[in-house]
Amino acid sequence: MTSLNSIRPRQKKLSVEERILQAAAWVRSHQEQSWALAIAAAAAVAVIFFMLRQHQVQNDEAWTQLGTAQGQIMQGQLGTAAKTLESWNKRFAGSSAAAYAKFLKADLLYETSDYVSASQIYTDLAQAARPEVLRPLALSAESYADEMAGRLAQALAAAQSFTERYPDHFLAASMYMSQARLNEMAGNPAAASAIYDRFVVLYPESPWTQLAHARLQALSGPLHPTVGK
């Protein structure tokens, strides 16, 4: 049987030197085209570099302006901070700092006592913020905002979700204390005692451990009077 390889014209194999000489000859005979290609390639590289540089400059400016807004919130300049964030969103909504700007917006709402609106933004961030490092921070803030809004059930659910999802996070201890406090406020001393008891086991050296012991004693005292008294 005749194969395709047997009927395919055999081509002479060129050495590396011959290929280089052929390329050089082509460039000499098509010098104008070669220069056009070189210029086009250089222009493309320049455009890409310019776009990347502009993107970096814009990101740097976005972070700088966001820092300004944060400082204004911390100094209590809430009206000015609101204007700064509004201007920021018009210019940098697509930057890498967008999620942080959203977090600051929630912080601003919290500081102006709009706890429900703040909680809604924190909830969105807790579920889908990028980078993910913001999610536990937002979940913690969500719990506090709901508590301030008087929504104890939602606040307790957020605090419980936090300790389940992020048991090793540096905010976990405060979330345990929030759970216990919220259970007390909801009239559930047994649940509060269980959480305080767990807290002193998990965090024996915490600044809140003494408070947890005190609350355990206060909650258990009336129910379990000391023998002999």
Protein backbone atom coordinates (compact mmCIF):
# COMPACT_ATOMS: atom_id res chain seq x y z
CA MET A 1 0.00 0.00 0.00
CA THR A 2 1.25 3.44 -0.92
CA SER A 3 1.41 5.72 2.07
CA LEU A 4 1.01 9.48 2.09
CA ASN A 5 4.60 9.81 3.20
CA SER A 6 5.83 7.88 0.15
CA ILE A 7 4.13 10.20 -2.34
CA ARG A 8 4.77 13.48 -0.45
CA PRO A 9 7.56 15.50 -2.16
CA ARG A 10 10.74 15.25 -0.20
CA GLN A 11 12.08 18.59 0.94
CA LYS A 12 15.69 19.34 1.59
CA LYS A 13 16.40 19.84 5.27
CA LEU A 14 18.07 23.16 5.92
CA SER A 15 20.72 23.70 8.52
CA VAL A 16 20.38 26.39 11.16
CA GLU A 17 22.93 28.55 9.32
CA GLU A 18 21.00 28.25 6.07
CA ARG A 19 17.75 29.24 7.76
CA ILE A 20 19.40 32.32 9.27
CA LEU A 21 20.81 33.29 5.87
CA GLN A 22 17.39 32.85 4.27
CA ALA A 23 15.78 35.07 6.93
CA ALA A 24 18.44 37.73 6.46
CA ALA A 25 17.94 37.65 2.69
CA TRP A 26 14.19 38.05 3.13
CA VAL A 27 14.70 41.05 5.42
CA ARG A 28 17.06 42.68 2.89
CA SER A 29 14.58 42.19 0.04
CA HIS A 30 11.61 43.31 2.16
CA GLN A 31 13.30 45.97 4.26
CA GLU A 32 10.35 48.36 4.18
CA GLN A 33 7.96 45.65 5.35
CA SER A 34 10.40 44.60 8.07
CA TRP A 35 10.60 48.12 9.44
CA ALA A 36 6.81 48.40 9.39
CA LEU A 37 6.46 45.16 11.34
CA ALA A 38 9.09 46.25 13.85
CA ILE A 39 7.44 49.64 14.36
CA ALA A 40 4.01 48.03 14.74
CA ALA A 41 5.36 45.57 17.33
CA ALA A 42 7.08 48.36 19.26
CA ALA A 43 3.90 50.44 19.20
CA ALA A 44 1.86 47.51 20.50
CA VAL A 45 4.31 46.96 23.36
CA ALA A 46 4.22 50.68 24.19
CA VAL A 47 0.40 50.72 24.27
CA ILE A 48 0.27 47.66 26.55
CA PHE A 49 2.88 49.18 28.87
CA PHE A 50 0.99 52.49 28.97
CA MET A 51 -2.29 50.73 29.79
CA LEU A 52 -0.69 48.68 32.58
CA ARG A 53 1.00 51.76 33.98
CA GLN A 54 -2.22 53.76 33.92
CA HIS A 55 -4.04 50.91 35.63
CA GLN A 56 -1.39 50.82 38.37
CA VAL A 57 -1.49 54.59 38.83
CA GLN A 58 -5.26 54.51 39.07
CA ASN A 59 -5.16 51.71 41.66
CA ASP A 60 -2.58 53.60 43.72
CA GLU A 61 -4.73 56.72 43.66
CA ALA A 62 -7.82 54.69 44.56
CA TRP A 63 -6.13 53.33 47.69
CA THR A 64 -4.86 56.78 48.65
CA GLN A 65 -8.32 58.32 48.37
CA LEU A 66 -9.82 55.42 50.31
CA GLY A 67 -7.35 56.02 53.11
CA THR A 68 -8.48 59.63 53.19
CA ALA A 69 -12.11 58.56 53.58
CA GLN A 70 -11.22 56.14 56.38
CA GLY A 71 -9.35 58.89 58.23
CA GLN A 72 -12.36 61.19 57.92
CA ILE A 73 -14.65 58.52 59.40
CA MET A 74 -12.25 57.92 62.29
CA GLN A 75 -12.12 61.67 63.00
CA GLY A 76 -15.90 61.93 62.98
CA GLN A 77 -16.03 63.95 59.77
CA LEU A 78 -18.94 61.86 58.54
CA GLY A 79 -20.42 64.33 56.07
CA THR A 80 -17.06 64.88 54.41
CA ALA A 81 -16.41 61.13 54.37
CA ALA A 82 -19.76 60.53 52.63
CA LYS A 83 -18.82 63.00 49.88
CA THR A 84 -15.36 61.46 49.54
CA LEU A 85 -16.82 57.97 49.13
CA GLU A 86 -19.40 59.18 46.64
CA SER A 87 -16.67 60.78 44.54
CA TRP A 88 -14.51 57.67 44.94
CA ASN A 89 -17.23 55.38 43.59
CA LYS A 90 -17.61 57.52 40.48
CA ARG A 91 -13.90 57.23 39.66
CA PHE A 92 -12.66 53.94 41.06
CA ALA A 93 -15.61 51.55 41.25
CA GLY A 94 -13.75 48.99 39.14
CA SER A 95 -10.47 49.12 41.03
CA SER A 96 -8.98 46.46 43.29
CA ALA A 97 -10.11 48.47 46.33
CA ALA A 98 -13.83 48.28 45.50
CA ALA A 99 -14.70 45.79 48.24
CA TYR A 100 -12.86 47.85 50.84
CA ALA A 101 -14.77 50.94 49.73
CA LYS A 102 -18.01 49.04 50.23
CA PHE A 103 -16.87 48.07 53.72
CA LEU A 104 -16.12 51.72 54.51
CA LYS A 105 -19.57 52.68 53.25
CA ALA A 106 -21.08 50.24 55.74
CA ASP A 107 -18.85 51.64 58.50
CA LEU A 108 -20.06 55.13 57.65
CA LEU A 109 -23.70 54.02 57.84
CA TYR A 110 -22.97 52.38 61.20
CA GLU A 111 -21.42 55.59 62.53
CA THR A 112 -24.50 57.55 61.42
CA SER A 113 -26.72 55.04 63.29
CA ASP A 114 -28.22 53.56 60.12
CA TYR A 115 -27.59 50.09 61.48
CA VAL A 116 -30.04 48.23 59.23
CA SER A 117 -28.49 49.57 56.02
CA ALA A 118 -25.02 48.91 57.39
CA SER A 119 -25.99 45.33 58.22
CA GLN A 120 -27.25 44.75 54.69
CA ILE A 121 -23.90 45.77 53.20
CA TYR A 122 -21.96 43.74 55.77
CA THR A 123 -24.13 40.73 54.92
CA ASP A 124 -23.30 41.02 51.22
CA LEU A 125 -19.60 41.30 51.99
CA ALA A 126 -19.69 38.37 54.43
CA GLN A 127 -21.06 36.17 51.68
CA ALA A 128 -19.08 37.18 48.62
CA ALA A 129 -16.35 39.74 49.35
CA ARG A 130 -13.11 39.56 47.41
CA PRO A 131 -10.54 39.14 48.82
CA GLU A 132 -12.04 36.54 51.14
CA VAL A 133 -10.12 37.93 54.13
CA LEU A 134 -12.87 40.57 54.36
CA ARG A 135 -15.64 38.01 54.88
CA PRO A 136 -15.08 37.22 58.58
CA LEU A 137 -14.59 40.91 59.33
CA ALA A 138 -17.87 41.70 57.62
CA LEU A 139 -19.70 38.88 59.41
CA SER A 140 -18.51 40.17 62.77
CA ALA A 141 -19.59 43.71 61.88
CA GLU A 142 -22.96 42.37 60.69
CA SER A 143 -23.60 40.89 64.13
CA TYR A 144 -22.77 44.16 65.90
CA ALA A 145 -24.92 46.20 63.48
CA ASP A 146 -27.89 43.90 64.00
CA GLU A 147 -27.47 44.11 67.76
CA MET A 148 -27.41 47.91 67.61
CA ALA A 149 -30.55 47.80 65.45
CA GLY A 150 -32.29 45.72 68.13
CA ARG A 151 -32.44 42.65 65.88
CA LEU A 152 -31.15 40.23 68.49
CA ALA A 153 -32.07 37.04 66.66
CA GLN A 154 -30.18 38.10 63.54
CA ALA A 155 -27.23 39.30 65.62
CA LEU A 156 -27.06 35.98 67.46
CA ALA A 157 -27.30 34.01 64.21
CA ALA A 158 -24.41 35.99 62.71
CA ALA A 159 -22.26 35.50 65.83
CA GLN A 160 -22.95 31.75 65.84
CA SER A 161 -22.18 31.54 62.13
CA PHE A 162 -18.87 33.28 62.76
CA THR A 163 -17.64 30.84 65.41
CA GLU A 164 -18.72 27.90 63.27
CA ARG A 165 -17.04 29.15 60.10
CA TYR A 166 -13.97 30.85 61.59
CA PRO A 167 -13.16 29.17 64.93
CA ASP A 168 -9.46 30.10 64.69
CA HIS A 169 -9.94 33.71 63.65
CA PHE A 170 -8.61 36.43 65.94
CA LEU A 171 -12.18 37.76 66.34
CA ALA A 172 -13.61 34.40 67.41
CA ALA A 173 -13.22 35.15 71.13
CA SER A 174 -15.21 38.37 70.88
CA MET A 175 -17.90 36.55 68.90
CA TYR A 176 -18.24 33.94 71.66
CA MET A 177 -18.72 36.73 74.16
CA SER A 178 -21.29 38.33 71.87
CA GLN A 179 -23.20 35.07 71.66
CA ALA A 180 -23.29 34.75 75.43
CA ARG A 181 -24.34 38.37 75.92
CA LEU A 182 -27.06 38.11 73.27
CA ASN A 183 -28.44 34.96 74.86
CA GLU A 184 -28.64 36.79 78.18
CA MET A 185 -30.45 39.67 76.50
CA ALA A 186 -32.83 37.21 74.87
CA GLY A 187 -33.68 35.66 78.25
CA ASN A 188 -31.79 32.41 77.73
CA PRO A 189 -29.39 32.16 80.69
CA ALA A 190 -28.73 28.44 80.24
CA ALA A 191 -27.40 28.98 76.71
CA ALA A 192 -25.39 31.98 77.87
CA SER A 193 -23.81 29.95 80.70
CA ALA A 194 -22.84 27.17 78.31
CA ILE A 195 -21.08 29.66 76.04
CA TYR A 196 -19.30 31.40 78.93
CA ASP A 197 -18.18 28.00 80.18
CA ARG A 198 -16.84 27.11 76.73
CA PHE A 199 -15.12 30.47 76.52
CA VAL A 200 -13.07 30.04 79.72
CA VAL A 201 -11.90 26.64 78.45
CA LEU A 202 -10.93 27.92 75.01
CA TYR A 203 -9.44 31.23 76.15
CA PRO A 204 -8.04 30.87 79.71
CA GLU A 205 -5.69 33.85 79.23
CA SER A 206 -8.09 36.21 77.45
CA PRO A 207 -8.78 39.70 78.84
CA TRP A 208 -12.45 38.64 78.90
CA THR A 209 -11.93 35.42 80.86
CA GLN A 210 -12.48 37.12 84.23
CA LEU A 211 -15.70 38.63 82.93
CA ALA A 212 -16.84 35.22 81.68
CA HIS A 213 -16.17 33.70 85.12
CA ALA A 214 -18.12 36.53 86.76
CA ARG A 215 -21.07 36.05 84.44
CA LEU A 216 -21.03 32.30 85.02
CA GLN A 217 -21.18 32.88 88.78
CA ALA A 218 -23.93 35.47 88.42
CA LEU A 219 -26.04 33.24 86.18
CA SER A 220 -25.56 30.06 88.20
CA GLY A 221 -25.73 31.59 91.70
CA PRO A 222 -29.51 31.94 92.07
CA LEU A 223 -30.09 28.60 90.43
CA HIS A 224 -27.49 26.71 92.47
CA PRO A 225 -27.20 28.29 95.96
CA THR A 226 -24.12 27.43 97.95
CA VAL A 227 -24.68 24.69 100.54
CA GLY A 228 -24.88 26.03 104.11
CA LYS A 229 -26.15 29.47 103.17
